[in-house]
Every structure is written in structure tokens, then in C-alpha cells.
Amino acid sequence: PSQYPPDQDCVYIIRAPTGYRITLTFLSFELAADIIDCKQDYLQIR
């Protein structure tokens, strides 16, 4: 829960068995970013 360091590029891959779906729920979310275009710090979900 401390502040994240600068210059991070982290990829998380969540895999479930075939036929399953993944539900992702954010409990806490605070990024230092320009809220209009998300060019500084961001989270991308695919």
C-alpha cells in the first residue's frame, strides 16, 4: 500500500480454465495521472 515507484511497466496475466470468465474488481485505485488523456500513469485492461 505504499506509493508505487516511478518508471514501472508491469503486465499481469490472469488465466482461468476454458469456459470460465474473469471478474476484476478494484478495491483501491489512485494513480498520479492526467485524468483526461491517461498519458502519465495508467492501467490498461484487455
ModelCIF file with pLDDT and N, C-alpha, C, O atoms, coordinates in Angstrom:
data_MODEL
#
_entry.id   MODEL 
#
_entity.id                         1 
_entity.type                       polymer 
_entity.pdbx_number_of_molecules   1 
#
_entity_poly.entity_id                      1 
_entity_poly.type                           'polypeptide(L)' 
_entity_poly.nstd_linkage                   no 
_entity_poly.nstd_monomer                   no 
_entity_poly.pdbx_seq_one_letter_code       PSQYPPDQDCVYIIRAPTGYRITLTFLSFELAADIIDCKQDYLQIR 
_entity_poly.pdbx_seq_one_letter_code_can   PSQYPPDQDCVYIIRAPTGYRITLTFLSFELAADIIDCKQDYLQIR 
_entity_poly.pdbx_strand_id                 A 
#
loop_
_entity_poly_seq.entity_id 
_entity_poly_seq.num 
_entity_poly_seq.mon_id 
_entity_poly_seq.hetero 
1 1  PRO n 
1 2  SER n 
1 3  GLN n 
1 4  TYR n 
1 5  PRO n 
1 6  PRO n 
1 7  ASP n 
1 8  GLN n 
1 9  ASP n 
1 10 CYS n 
1 11 VAL n 
1 12 TYR n 
1 13 ILE n 
1 14 ILE n 
1 15 ARG n 
1 16 ALA n 
1 17 PRO n 
1 18 THR n 
1 19 GLY n 
1 20 TYR n 
1 21 ARG n 
1 22 ILE n 
1 23 THR n 
1 24 LEU n 
1 25 THR n 
1 26 PHE n 
1 27 LEU n 
1 28 SER n 
1 29 PHE n 
1 30 GLU n 
1 31 LEU n 
1 32 ALA n 
1 33 ALA n 
1 34 ASP n 
1 35 ILE n 
1 36 ILE n 
1 37 ASP n 
1 38 CYS n 
1 39 LYS n 
1 40 GLN n 
1 41 ASP n 
1 42 TYR n 
1 43 LEU n 
1 44 GLN n 
1 45 ILE n 
1 46 ARG n 
#
_struct_asym.id          A 
_struct_asym.entity_id   1 
#
loop_
_ma_qa_metric.id 
_ma_qa_metric.mode 
_ma_qa_metric.name 
_ma_qa_metric.software_group_id 
_ma_qa_metric.type 
1 global pLDDT . pLDDT 
2 local  pLDDT . pLDDT 
#
_ma_qa_metric_global.metric_id      1 
_ma_qa_metric_global.metric_value   91.11 
_ma_qa_metric_global.model_id       1 
_ma_qa_metric_global.ordinal_id     1 
#
loop_
_ma_qa_metric_local.label_asym_id 
_ma_qa_metric_local.label_comp_id 
_ma_qa_metric_local.label_seq_id 
_ma_qa_metric_local.metric_id 
_ma_qa_metric_local.metric_value 
_ma_qa_metric_local.model_id 
_ma_qa_metric_local.ordinal_id 
A PRO 1  2 93.00 1 1  
A SER 2  2 94.00 1 2  
A GLN 3  2 95.00 1 3  
A TYR 4  2 95.00 1 4  
A PRO 5  2 95.00 1 5  
A PRO 6  2 94.00 1 6  
A ASP 7  2 94.00 1 7  
A GLN 8  2 95.00 1 8  
A ASP 9  2 96.00 1 9  
A CYS 10 2 97.00 1 10 
A VAL 11 2 98.00 1 11 
A TYR 12 2 98.00 1 12 
A ILE 13 2 98.00 1 13 
A ILE 14 2 98.00 1 14 
A ARG 15 2 97.00 1 15 
A ALA 16 2 96.00 1 16 
A PRO 17 2 95.00 1 17 
A THR 18 2 93.00 1 18 
A GLY 19 2 94.00 1 19 
A TYR 20 2 97.00 1 20 
A ARG 21 2 97.00 1 21 
A ILE 22 2 97.00 1 22 
A THR 23 2 97.00 1 23 
A LEU 24 2 97.00 1 24 
A THR 25 2 95.00 1 25 
A PHE 26 2 92.00 1 26 
A LEU 27 2 92.00 1 27 
A SER 28 2 92.00 1 28 
A PHE 29 2 92.00 1 29 
A GLU 30 2 91.00 1 30 
A LEU 31 2 90.00 1 31 
A ALA 32 2 85.00 1 32 
A ALA 33 2 69.00 1 33 
A ASP 34 2 70.00 1 34 
A ILE 35 2 64.00 1 35 
A ILE 36 2 70.00 1 36 
A ASP 37 2 77.00 1 37 
A CYS 38 2 81.00 1 38 
A LYS 39 2 81.00 1 39 
A GLN 40 2 86.00 1 40 
A ASP 41 2 92.00 1 41 
A TYR 42 2 92.00 1 42 
A LEU 43 2 93.00 1 43 
A GLN 44 2 94.00 1 44 
A ILE 45 2 96.00 1 45 
A ARG 46 2 97.00 1 46 
#
loop_
_atom_site.group_PDB 
_atom_site.id 
_atom_site.type_symbol 
_atom_site.label_atom_id 
_atom_site.label_alt_id 
_atom_site.label_comp_id 
_atom_site.label_asym_id 
_atom_site.label_entity_id 
_atom_site.label_seq_id 
_atom_site.pdbx_PDB_ins_code 
_atom_site.Cartn_x 
_atom_site.Cartn_y 
_atom_site.Cartn_z 
_atom_site.occupancy 
_atom_site.B_iso_or_equiv 
_atom_site.pdbx_formal_charge 
_atom_site.auth_seq_id 
_atom_site.auth_comp_id 
_atom_site.auth_asym_id 
_atom_site.auth_atom_id 
_atom_site.pdbx_PDB_model_num 
ATOM 1   N N  . PRO A 1 1  ? 0.792   -1.227  0.000   1.00 93.00 ? 1  PRO A N  1 
ATOM 2   C CA . PRO A 1 1  ? 0.000   0.000   0.000   1.00 93.00 ? 1  PRO A CA 1 
ATOM 3   C C  . PRO A 1 1  ? 0.832   1.288   0.000   1.00 93.00 ? 1  PRO A C  1 
ATOM 4   O O  . PRO A 1 1  ? 0.261   2.376   0.079   1.00 93.00 ? 1  PRO A O  1 
ATOM 5   N N  . SER A 1 2  ? 2.143   1.196   -0.085  1.00 94.00 ? 2  SER A N  1 
ATOM 6   C CA . SER A 1 2  ? 2.957   2.399   -0.232  1.00 94.00 ? 2  SER A CA 1 
ATOM 7   C C  . SER A 1 2  ? 2.857   2.900   -1.662  1.00 94.00 ? 2  SER A C  1 
ATOM 8   O O  . SER A 1 2  ? 2.338   2.207   -2.537  1.00 94.00 ? 2  SER A O  1 
ATOM 9   N N  . GLN A 1 3  ? 3.350   4.090   -1.892  1.00 95.00 ? 3  GLN A N  1 
ATOM 10  C CA . GLN A 1 3  ? 3.324   4.632   -3.249  1.00 95.00 ? 3  GLN A CA 1 
ATOM 11  C C  . GLN A 1 3  ? 4.185   3.783   -4.174  1.00 95.00 ? 3  GLN A C  1 
ATOM 12  O O  . GLN A 1 3  ? 5.255   3.314   -3.785  1.00 95.00 ? 3  GLN A O  1 
ATOM 13  N N  . TYR A 1 4  ? 3.715   3.590   -5.387  1.00 95.00 ? 4  TYR A N  1 
ATOM 14  C CA . TYR A 1 4  ? 4.477   2.827   -6.371  1.00 95.00 ? 4  TYR A CA 1 
ATOM 15  C C  . TYR A 1 4  ? 5.660   3.667   -6.856  1.00 95.00 ? 4  TYR A C  1 
ATOM 16  O O  . TYR A 1 4  ? 5.602   4.896   -6.846  1.00 95.00 ? 4  TYR A O  1 
ATOM 17  N N  . PRO A 1 5  ? 6.727   2.997   -7.278  1.00 95.00 ? 5  PRO A N  1 
ATOM 18  C CA . PRO A 1 5  ? 7.909   3.723   -7.767  1.00 95.00 ? 5  PRO A CA 1 
ATOM 19  C C  . PRO A 1 5  ? 7.708   4.234   -9.194  1.00 95.00 ? 5  PRO A C  1 
ATOM 20  O O  . PRO A 1 5  ? 6.798   3.787   -9.893  1.00 95.00 ? 5  PRO A O  1 
ATOM 21  N N  . PRO A 1 6  ? 8.552   5.165   -9.625  1.00 94.00 ? 6  PRO A N  1 
ATOM 22  C CA . PRO A 1 6  ? 8.460   5.657   -11.000 1.00 94.00 ? 6  PRO A CA 1 
ATOM 23  C C  . PRO A 1 6  ? 8.980   4.627   -11.996 1.00 94.00 ? 6  PRO A C  1 
ATOM 24  O O  . PRO A 1 6  ? 9.653   3.665   -11.627 1.00 94.00 ? 6  PRO A O  1 
ATOM 25  N N  . ASP A 1 7  ? 8.656   4.850   -13.256 1.00 94.00 ? 7  ASP A N  1 
ATOM 26  C CA . ASP A 1 7  ? 9.174   4.051   -14.374 1.00 94.00 ? 7  ASP A CA 1 
ATOM 27  C C  . ASP A 1 7  ? 8.875   2.559   -14.257 1.00 94.00 ? 7  ASP A C  1 
ATOM 28  O O  . ASP A 1 7  ? 9.756   1.724   -14.459 1.00 94.00 ? 7  ASP A O  1 
ATOM 29  N N  . GLN A 1 8  ? 7.641   2.235   -13.935 1.00 95.00 ? 8  GLN A N  1 
ATOM 30  C CA . GLN A 1 8  ? 7.223   0.840   -13.853 1.00 95.00 ? 8  GLN A CA 1 
ATOM 31  C C  . GLN A 1 8  ? 6.438   0.467   -15.106 1.00 95.00 ? 8  GLN A C  1 
ATOM 32  O O  . GLN A 1 8  ? 5.678   1.277   -15.637 1.00 95.00 ? 8  GLN A O  1 
ATOM 33  N N  . ASP A 1 9  ? 6.625   -0.748  -15.564 1.00 96.00 ? 9  ASP A N  1 
ATOM 34  C CA . ASP A 1 9  ? 5.869   -1.283  -16.691 1.00 96.00 ? 9  ASP A CA 1 
ATOM 35  C C  . ASP A 1 9  ? 5.588   -2.746  -16.350 1.00 96.00 ? 9  ASP A C  1 
ATOM 36  O O  . ASP A 1 9  ? 6.409   -3.623  -16.616 1.00 96.00 ? 9  ASP A O  1 
ATOM 37  N N  . CYS A 1 10 ? 4.442   -2.993  -15.770 1.00 97.00 ? 10 CYS A N  1 
ATOM 38  C CA . CYS A 1 10 ? 4.104   -4.303  -15.209 1.00 97.00 ? 10 CYS A CA 1 
ATOM 39  C C  . CYS A 1 10 ? 2.944   -4.919  -15.986 1.00 97.00 ? 10 CYS A C  1 
ATOM 40  O O  . CYS A 1 10 ? 1.947   -4.250  -16.257 1.00 97.00 ? 10 CYS A O  1 
ATOM 41  N N  . VAL A 1 11 ? 3.077   -6.191  -16.340 1.00 98.00 ? 11 VAL A N  1 
ATOM 42  C CA . VAL A 1 11 ? 2.000   -6.901  -17.021 1.00 98.00 ? 11 VAL A CA 1 
ATOM 43  C C  . VAL A 1 11 ? 1.549   -8.056  -16.133 1.00 98.00 ? 11 VAL A C  1 
ATOM 44  O O  . VAL A 1 11 ? 2.351   -8.900  -15.733 1.00 98.00 ? 11 VAL A O  1 
ATOM 45  N N  . TYR A 1 12 ? 0.261   -8.078  -15.834 1.00 98.00 ? 12 TYR A N  1 
ATOM 46  C CA . TYR A 1 12 ? -0.381  -9.121  -15.045 1.00 98.00 ? 12 TYR A CA 1 
ATOM 47  C C  . TYR A 1 12 ? -1.262  -9.919  -15.998 1.00 98.00 ? 12 TYR A C  1 
ATOM 48  O O  . TYR A 1 12 ? -2.061  -9.340  -16.734 1.00 98.00 ? 12 TYR A O  1 
ATOM 49  N N  . ILE A 1 13 ? -1.126  -11.232 -15.993 1.00 98.00 ? 13 ILE A N  1 
ATOM 50  C CA . ILE A 1 13 ? -1.979  -12.077 -16.826 1.00 98.00 ? 13 ILE A CA 1 
ATOM 51  C C  . ILE A 1 13 ? -2.728  -13.031 -15.913 1.00 98.00 ? 13 ILE A C  1 
ATOM 52  O O  . ILE A 1 13 ? -2.123  -13.811 -15.178 1.00 98.00 ? 13 ILE A O  1 
ATOM 53  N N  . ILE A 1 14 ? -4.047  -12.961 -15.966 1.00 98.00 ? 14 ILE A N  1 
ATOM 54  C CA . ILE A 1 14 ? -4.892  -13.844 -15.160 1.00 98.00 ? 14 ILE A CA 1 
ATOM 55  C C  . ILE A 1 14 ? -5.484  -14.877 -16.107 1.00 98.00 ? 14 ILE A C  1 
ATOM 56  O O  . ILE A 1 14 ? -6.130  -14.528 -17.095 1.00 98.00 ? 14 ILE A O  1 
ATOM 57  N N  . ARG A 1 15 ? -5.260  -16.156 -15.798 1.00 97.00 ? 15 ARG A N  1 
ATOM 58  C CA . ARG A 1 15 ? -5.753  -17.249 -16.645 1.00 97.00 ? 15 ARG A CA 1 
ATOM 59  C C  . ARG A 1 15 ? -6.692  -18.141 -15.831 1.00 97.00 ? 15 ARG A C  1 
ATOM 60  O O  . ARG A 1 15 ? -6.414  -18.484 -14.682 1.00 97.00 ? 15 ARG A O  1 
ATOM 61  N N  . ALA A 1 16 ? -7.781  -18.495 -16.445 1.00 96.00 ? 16 ALA A N  1 
ATOM 62  C CA . ALA A 1 16 ? -8.751  -19.400 -15.834 1.00 96.00 ? 16 ALA A CA 1 
ATOM 63  C C  . ALA A 1 16 ? -8.944  -20.584 -16.782 1.00 96.00 ? 16 ALA A C  1 
ATOM 64  O O  . ALA A 1 16 ? -8.534  -20.520 -17.941 1.00 96.00 ? 16 ALA A O  1 
ATOM 65  N N  . PRO A 1 17 ? -9.563  -21.659 -16.303 1.00 95.00 ? 17 PRO A N  1 
ATOM 66  C CA . PRO A 1 17 ? -9.835  -22.789 -17.199 1.00 95.00 ? 17 PRO A CA 1 
ATOM 67  C C  . PRO A 1 17 ? -10.764 -22.382 -18.343 1.00 95.00 ? 17 PRO A C  1 
ATOM 68  O O  . PRO A 1 17 ? -11.508 -21.408 -18.231 1.00 95.00 ? 17 PRO A O  1 
ATOM 69  N N  . THR A 1 18 ? -10.717 -23.124 -19.423 1.00 93.00 ? 18 THR A N  1 
ATOM 70  C CA . THR A 1 18 ? -11.597 -22.889 -20.567 1.00 93.00 ? 18 THR A CA 1 
ATOM 71  C C  . THR A 1 18 ? -13.056 -22.899 -20.102 1.00 93.00 ? 18 THR A C  1 
ATOM 72  O O  . THR A 1 18 ? -13.460 -23.750 -19.310 1.00 93.00 ? 18 THR A O  1 
ATOM 73  N N  . GLY A 1 19 ? -13.827 -21.956 -20.600 1.00 94.00 ? 19 GLY A N  1 
ATOM 74  C CA . GLY A 1 19 ? -15.241 -21.853 -20.225 1.00 94.00 ? 19 GLY A CA 1 
ATOM 75  C C  . GLY A 1 19 ? -15.483 -20.902 -19.063 1.00 94.00 ? 19 GLY A C  1 
ATOM 76  O O  . GLY A 1 19 ? -16.631 -20.550 -18.793 1.00 94.00 ? 19 GLY A O  1 
ATOM 77  N N  . TYR A 1 20 ? -14.441 -20.482 -18.375 1.00 97.00 ? 20 TYR A N  1 
ATOM 78  C CA . TYR A 1 20 ? -14.580 -19.557 -17.246 1.00 97.00 ? 20 TYR A CA 1 
ATOM 79  C C  . TYR A 1 20 ? -14.401 -18.124 -17.737 1.00 97.00 ? 20 TYR A C  1 
ATOM 80  O O  . TYR A 1 20 ? -13.807 -17.880 -18.787 1.00 97.00 ? 20 TYR A O  1 
ATOM 81  N N  . ARG A 1 21 ? -14.923 -17.189 -16.960 1.00 97.00 ? 21 ARG A N  1 
ATOM 82  C CA . ARG A 1 21 ? -14.743 -15.758 -17.198 1.00 97.00 ? 21 ARG A CA 1 
ATOM 83  C C  . ARG A 1 21 ? -14.117 -15.151 -15.952 1.00 97.00 ? 21 ARG A C  1 
ATOM 84  O O  . ARG A 1 21 ? -14.289 -15.661 -14.845 1.00 97.00 ? 21 ARG A O  1 
ATOM 85  N N  . ILE A 1 22 ? -13.397 -14.070 -16.143 1.00 97.00 ? 22 ILE A N  1 
ATOM 86  C CA . ILE A 1 22 ? -12.698 -13.421 -15.035 1.00 97.00 ? 22 ILE A CA 1 
ATOM 87  C C  . ILE A 1 22 ? -13.405 -12.114 -14.702 1.00 97.00 ? 22 ILE A C  1 
ATOM 88  O O  . ILE A 1 22 ? -13.699 -11.311 -15.588 1.00 97.00 ? 22 ILE A O  1 
ATOM 89  N N  . THR A 1 23 ? -13.672 -11.912 -13.424 1.00 97.00 ? 23 THR A N  1 
ATOM 90  C CA . THR A 1 23 ? -14.235 -10.661 -12.939 1.00 97.00 ? 23 THR A CA 1 
ATOM 91  C C  . THR A 1 23 ? -13.168 -9.976  -12.091 1.00 97.00 ? 23 THR A C  1 
ATOM 92  O O  . THR A 1 23 ? -12.670 -10.554 -11.124 1.00 97.00 ? 23 THR A O  1 
ATOM 93  N N  . LEU A 1 24 ? -12.821 -8.753  -12.453 1.00 97.00 ? 24 LEU A N  1 
ATOM 94  C CA . LEU A 1 24 ? -11.790 -7.971  -11.776 1.00 97.00 ? 24 LEU A CA 1 
ATOM 95  C C  . LEU A 1 24 ? -12.464 -6.790  -11.097 1.00 97.00 ? 24 LEU A C  1 
ATOM 96  O O  . LEU A 1 24 ? -13.132 -5.992  -11.755 1.00 97.00 ? 24 LEU A O  1 
ATOM 97  N N  . THR A 1 25 ? -12.291 -6.672  -9.782  1.00 95.00 ? 25 THR A N  1 
ATOM 98  C CA . THR A 1 25 ? -12.919 -5.599  -9.010  1.00 95.00 ? 25 THR A CA 1 
ATOM 99  C C  . THR A 1 25 ? -11.836 -4.807  -8.283  1.00 95.00 ? 25 THR A C  1 
ATOM 100 O O  . THR A 1 25 ? -11.026 -5.376  -7.551  1.00 95.00 ? 25 THR A O  1 
ATOM 101 N N  . PHE A 1 26 ? -11.827 -3.504  -8.488  1.00 92.00 ? 26 PHE A N  1 
ATOM 102 C CA . PHE A 1 26 ? -10.832 -2.653  -7.840  1.00 92.00 ? 26 PHE A CA 1 
ATOM 103 C C  . PHE A 1 26 ? -11.322 -2.215  -6.473  1.00 92.00 ? 26 PHE A C  1 
ATOM 104 O O  . PHE A 1 26 ? -12.405 -1.649  -6.330  1.00 92.00 ? 26 PHE A O  1 
ATOM 105 N N  . LEU A 1 27 ? -10.498 -2.491  -5.473  1.00 92.00 ? 27 LEU A N  1 
ATOM 106 C CA . LEU A 1 27 ? -10.805 -2.126  -4.096  1.00 92.00 ? 27 LEU A CA 1 
ATOM 107 C C  . LEU A 1 27 ? -10.202 -0.772  -3.754  1.00 92.00 ? 27 LEU A C  1 
ATOM 108 O O  . LEU A 1 27 ? -10.723 -0.042  -2.911  1.00 92.00 ? 27 LEU A O  1 
ATOM 109 N N  . SER A 1 28 ? -9.106  -0.450  -4.414  1.00 92.00 ? 28 SER A N  1 
ATOM 110 C CA . SER A 1 28 ? -8.423  0.826   -4.214  1.00 92.00 ? 28 SER A CA 1 
ATOM 111 C C  . SER A 1 28 ? -7.779  1.212   -5.538  1.00 92.00 ? 28 SER A C  1 
ATOM 112 O O  . SER A 1 28 ? -7.209  0.365   -6.226  1.00 92.00 ? 28 SER A O  1 
ATOM 113 N N  . PHE A 1 29 ? -7.869  2.494   -5.896  1.00 92.00 ? 29 PHE A N  1 
ATOM 114 C CA . PHE A 1 29 ? -7.304  2.935   -7.171  1.00 92.00 ? 29 PHE A CA 1 
ATOM 115 C C  . PHE A 1 29 ? -6.932  4.404   -7.068  1.00 92.00 ? 29 PHE A C  1 
ATOM 116 O O  . PHE A 1 29 ? -7.806  5.267   -6.997  1.00 92.00 ? 29 PHE A O  1 
ATOM 117 N N  . GLU A 1 30 ? -5.621  4.692   -7.060  1.00 91.00 ? 30 GLU A N  1 
ATOM 118 C CA . GLU A 1 30 ? -5.140  6.066   -7.006  1.00 91.00 ? 30 GLU A CA 1 
ATOM 119 C C  . GLU A 1 30 ? -3.848  6.169   -7.813  1.00 91.00 ? 30 GLU A C  1 
ATOM 120 O O  . GLU A 1 30 ? -2.789  5.735   -7.360  1.00 91.00 ? 30 GLU A O  1 
ATOM 121 N N  . LEU A 1 31 ? -3.942  6.739   -9.000  1.00 90.00 ? 31 LEU A N  1 
ATOM 122 C CA . LEU A 1 31 ? -2.779  6.925   -9.849  1.00 90.00 ? 31 LEU A CA 1 
ATOM 123 C C  . LEU A 1 31 ? -2.499  8.409   -10.027 1.00 90.00 ? 31 LEU A C  1 
ATOM 124 O O  . LEU A 1 31 ? -3.418  9.229   -10.040 1.00 90.00 ? 31 LEU A O  1 
ATOM 125 N N  . ALA A 1 32 ? -1.225  8.744   -10.162 1.00 85.00 ? 32 ALA A N  1 
ATOM 126 C CA . ALA A 1 32 ? -0.827  10.126  -10.450 1.00 85.00 ? 32 ALA A CA 1 
ATOM 127 C C  . ALA A 1 32 ? -0.900  10.295  -11.951 1.00 85.00 ? 32 ALA A C  1 
ATOM 128 O O  . ALA A 1 32 ? -0.008  9.863   -12.680 1.00 85.00 ? 32 ALA A O  1 
ATOM 129 N N  . ALA A 1 33 ? -1.963  10.925  -12.407 1.00 69.00 ? 33 ALA A N  1 
ATOM 130 C CA . ALA A 1 33 ? -2.155  10.981  -13.860 1.00 69.00 ? 33 ALA A CA 1 
ATOM 131 C C  . ALA A 1 33 ? -3.002  12.166  -14.262 1.00 69.00 ? 33 ALA A C  1 
ATOM 132 O O  . ALA A 1 33 ? -3.741  12.735  -13.459 1.00 69.00 ? 33 ALA A O  1 
ATOM 133 N N  . ASP A 1 34 ? -2.877  12.515  -15.508 1.00 70.00 ? 34 ASP A N  1 
ATOM 134 C CA . ASP A 1 34 ? -3.756  13.482  -16.133 1.00 70.00 ? 34 ASP A CA 1 
ATOM 135 C C  . ASP A 1 34 ? -5.057  12.737  -16.433 1.00 70.00 ? 34 ASP A C  1 
ATOM 136 O O  . ASP A 1 34 ? -5.068  11.832  -17.267 1.00 70.00 ? 34 ASP A O  1 
ATOM 137 N N  . ILE A 1 35 ? -6.143  13.101  -15.771 1.00 64.00 ? 35 ILE A N  1 
ATOM 138 C CA . ILE A 1 35 ? -7.370  12.321  -15.878 1.00 64.00 ? 35 ILE A CA 1 
ATOM 139 C C  . ILE A 1 35 ? -8.044  12.418  -17.240 1.00 64.00 ? 35 ILE A C  1 
ATOM 140 O O  . ILE A 1 35 ? -8.980  11.668  -17.516 1.00 64.00 ? 35 ILE A O  1 
ATOM 141 N N  . ILE A 1 36 ? -7.591  13.320  -18.089 1.00 70.00 ? 36 ILE A N  1 
ATOM 142 C CA . ILE A 1 36 ? -8.234  13.469  -19.396 1.00 70.00 ? 36 ILE A CA 1 
ATOM 143 C C  . ILE A 1 36 ? -7.683  12.480  -20.421 1.00 70.00 ? 36 ILE A C  1 
ATOM 144 O O  . ILE A 1 36 ? -8.457  11.831  -21.124 1.00 70.00 ? 36 ILE A O  1 
ATOM 145 N N  . ASP A 1 37 ? -6.367  12.356  -20.518 1.00 77.00 ? 37 ASP A N  1 
ATOM 146 C CA . ASP A 1 37 ? -5.830  11.519  -21.584 1.00 77.00 ? 37 ASP A CA 1 
ATOM 147 C C  . ASP A 1 37 ? -4.999  10.319  -21.112 1.00 77.00 ? 37 ASP A C  1 
ATOM 148 O O  . ASP A 1 37 ? -4.527  9.553   -21.952 1.00 77.00 ? 37 ASP A O  1 
ATOM 149 N N  . CYS A 1 38 ? -4.806  10.131  -19.821 1.00 81.00 ? 38 CYS A N  1 
ATOM 150 C CA . CYS A 1 38 ? -4.106  8.958   -19.264 1.00 81.00 ? 38 CYS A CA 1 
ATOM 151 C C  . CYS A 1 38 ? -2.737  8.716   -19.918 1.00 81.00 ? 38 CYS A C  1 
ATOM 152 O O  . CYS A 1 38 ? -2.401  7.575   -20.234 1.00 81.00 ? 38 CYS A O  1 
ATOM 153 N N  . LYS A 1 39 ? -1.964  9.752   -20.119 1.00 81.00 ? 39 LYS A N  1 
ATOM 154 C CA . LYS A 1 39 ? -0.650  9.585   -20.749 1.00 81.00 ? 39 LYS A CA 1 
ATOM 155 C C  . LYS A 1 39 ? 0.466   9.397   -19.728 1.00 81.00 ? 39 LYS A C  1 
ATOM 156 O O  . LYS A 1 39 ? 1.550   8.947   -20.099 1.00 81.00 ? 39 LYS A O  1 
ATOM 157 N N  . GLN A 1 40 ? 0.243   9.725   -18.456 1.00 86.00 ? 40 GLN A N  1 
ATOM 158 C CA . GLN A 1 40 ? 1.288   9.578   -17.446 1.00 86.00 ? 40 GLN A CA 1 
ATOM 159 C C  . GLN A 1 40 ? 1.235   8.164   -16.871 1.00 86.00 ? 40 GLN A C  1 
ATOM 160 O O  . GLN A 1 40 ? 1.846   7.250   -17.424 1.00 86.00 ? 40 GLN A O  1 
ATOM 161 N N  . ASP A 1 41 ? 0.525   7.981   -15.789 1.00 92.00 ? 41 ASP A N  1 
ATOM 162 C CA . ASP A 1 41 ? 0.383   6.666   -15.161 1.00 92.00 ? 41 ASP A CA 1 
ATOM 163 C C  . ASP A 1 41 ? -0.994  6.126   -15.509 1.00 92.00 ? 41 ASP A C  1 
ATOM 164 O O  . ASP A 1 41 ? -1.983  6.858   -15.464 1.00 92.00 ? 41 ASP A O  1 
ATOM 165 N N  . TYR A 1 42 ? -1.059  4.843   -15.858 1.00 92.00 ? 42 TYR A N  1 
ATOM 166 C CA . TYR A 1 42 ? -2.350  4.291   -16.257 1.00 92.00 ? 42 TYR A CA 1 
ATOM 167 C C  . TYR A 1 42 ? -2.380  2.776   -16.068 1.00 92.00 ? 42 TYR A C  1 
ATOM 168 O O  . TYR A 1 42 ? -1.349  2.129   -15.886 1.00 92.00 ? 42 TYR A O  1 
ATOM 169 N N  . LEU A 1 43 ? -3.576  2.244   -16.116 1.00 93.00 ? 43 LEU A N  1 
ATOM 170 C CA . LEU A 1 43 ? -3.813  0.815   -16.077 1.00 93.00 ? 43 LEU A CA 1 
ATOM 171 C C  . LEU A 1 43 ? -4.616  0.473   -17.330 1.00 93.00 ? 43 LEU A C  1 
ATOM 172 O O  . LEU A 1 43 ? -5.668  1.059   -17.586 1.00 93.00 ? 43 LEU A O  1 
ATOM 173 N N  . GLN A 1 44 ? -4.108  -0.476  -18.102 1.00 94.00 ? 44 GLN A N  1 
ATOM 174 C CA . GLN A 1 44 ? -4.762  -0.904  -19.342 1.00 94.00 ? 44 GLN A CA 1 
ATOM 175 C C  . GLN A 1 44 ? -5.248  -2.332  -19.132 1.00 94.00 ? 44 GLN A C  1 
ATOM 176 O O  . GLN A 1 44 ? -4.495  -3.179  -18.654 1.00 94.00 ? 44 GLN A O  1 
ATOM 177 N N  . ILE A 1 45 ? -6.500  -2.605  -19.486 1.00 96.00 ? 45 ILE A N  1 
ATOM 178 C CA . ILE A 1 45 ? -7.084  -3.940  -19.309 1.00 96.00 ? 45 ILE A CA 1 
ATOM 179 C C  . ILE A 1 45 ? -7.518  -4.461  -20.671 1.00 96.00 ? 45 ILE A C  1 
ATOM 180 O O  . ILE A 1 45 ? -8.163  -3.752  -21.443 1.00 96.00 ? 45 ILE A O  1 
ATOM 181 N N  . ARG A 1 46 ? -7.153  -5.720  -20.959 1.00 97.00 ? 46 ARG A N  1 
ATOM 182 C CA . ARG A 1 46 ? -7.510  -6.342  -22.240 1.00 97.00 ? 46 ARG A CA 1 
ATOM 183 C C  . ARG A 1 46 ? -8.182  -7.693  -22.008 1.00 97.00 ? 46 ARG A C  1 
ATOM 184 O O  . ARG A 1 46 ? -8.555  -8.370  -22.966 1.00 97.00 ? 46 ARG A O  1 
#
